[in-house]
């Protein structure tokens, strides 16, 4: 395949082919960010205090009071306690603790891979638009007259637009990814603490 055919192929790629994937990434990123912020706010409790109260009540076999206490909270970590105090949980407590802890961690880690992928591929999509835009600019240099100026300006504009959009999506996504990592790490430690406390009852 000759270089002219390759250049013609890239010249034929419209701008929307580069912009649509970046915009799709931005929509997904916004949806994930909103969902995770709401989720983290909803489960933001003092689990060490809750676990201490639950363990104290369980040692006194006041399970109704434990259920009443749990009803005031929500979230996957509270779900660990609910599984342990459910009917028939006494005989398989270790297995239930392991299963419920793993489920809680999976729920807490949800979408972290999605936001990481968006933070990674968005600038690359922008870079791809930069490459195609610059190729269109260089293709314009081979033309004569006003067409050359038009193609040169269009190619440069396309390169700058896609680069800017890619970075505009990637930078907030990367910032929120780091925030998610810190929150996930914190809540995993809380899961381990609650599980260990319940294990000792």
Foldseek 3Di string as FASTA:
>chain_A
DDPVVVLVVLLPDDLVVLVVVLVVLLVVLVVVLVVLVVQLVQQPDDLVVLLVVLLVCVVVPVLVVNVVSLVVGDALLSVLVVQCSDPPNPVPVVVSLVVSLVVRLCVLCPCLVVLVVLLPCLQVSLQVQLVSLVSQLVVLVVDDDPSSVVSNVRSNVSSVVSNVSSCVRNVVSVVVSVVSVVSSVVVNVSSVVSSVSVVVD
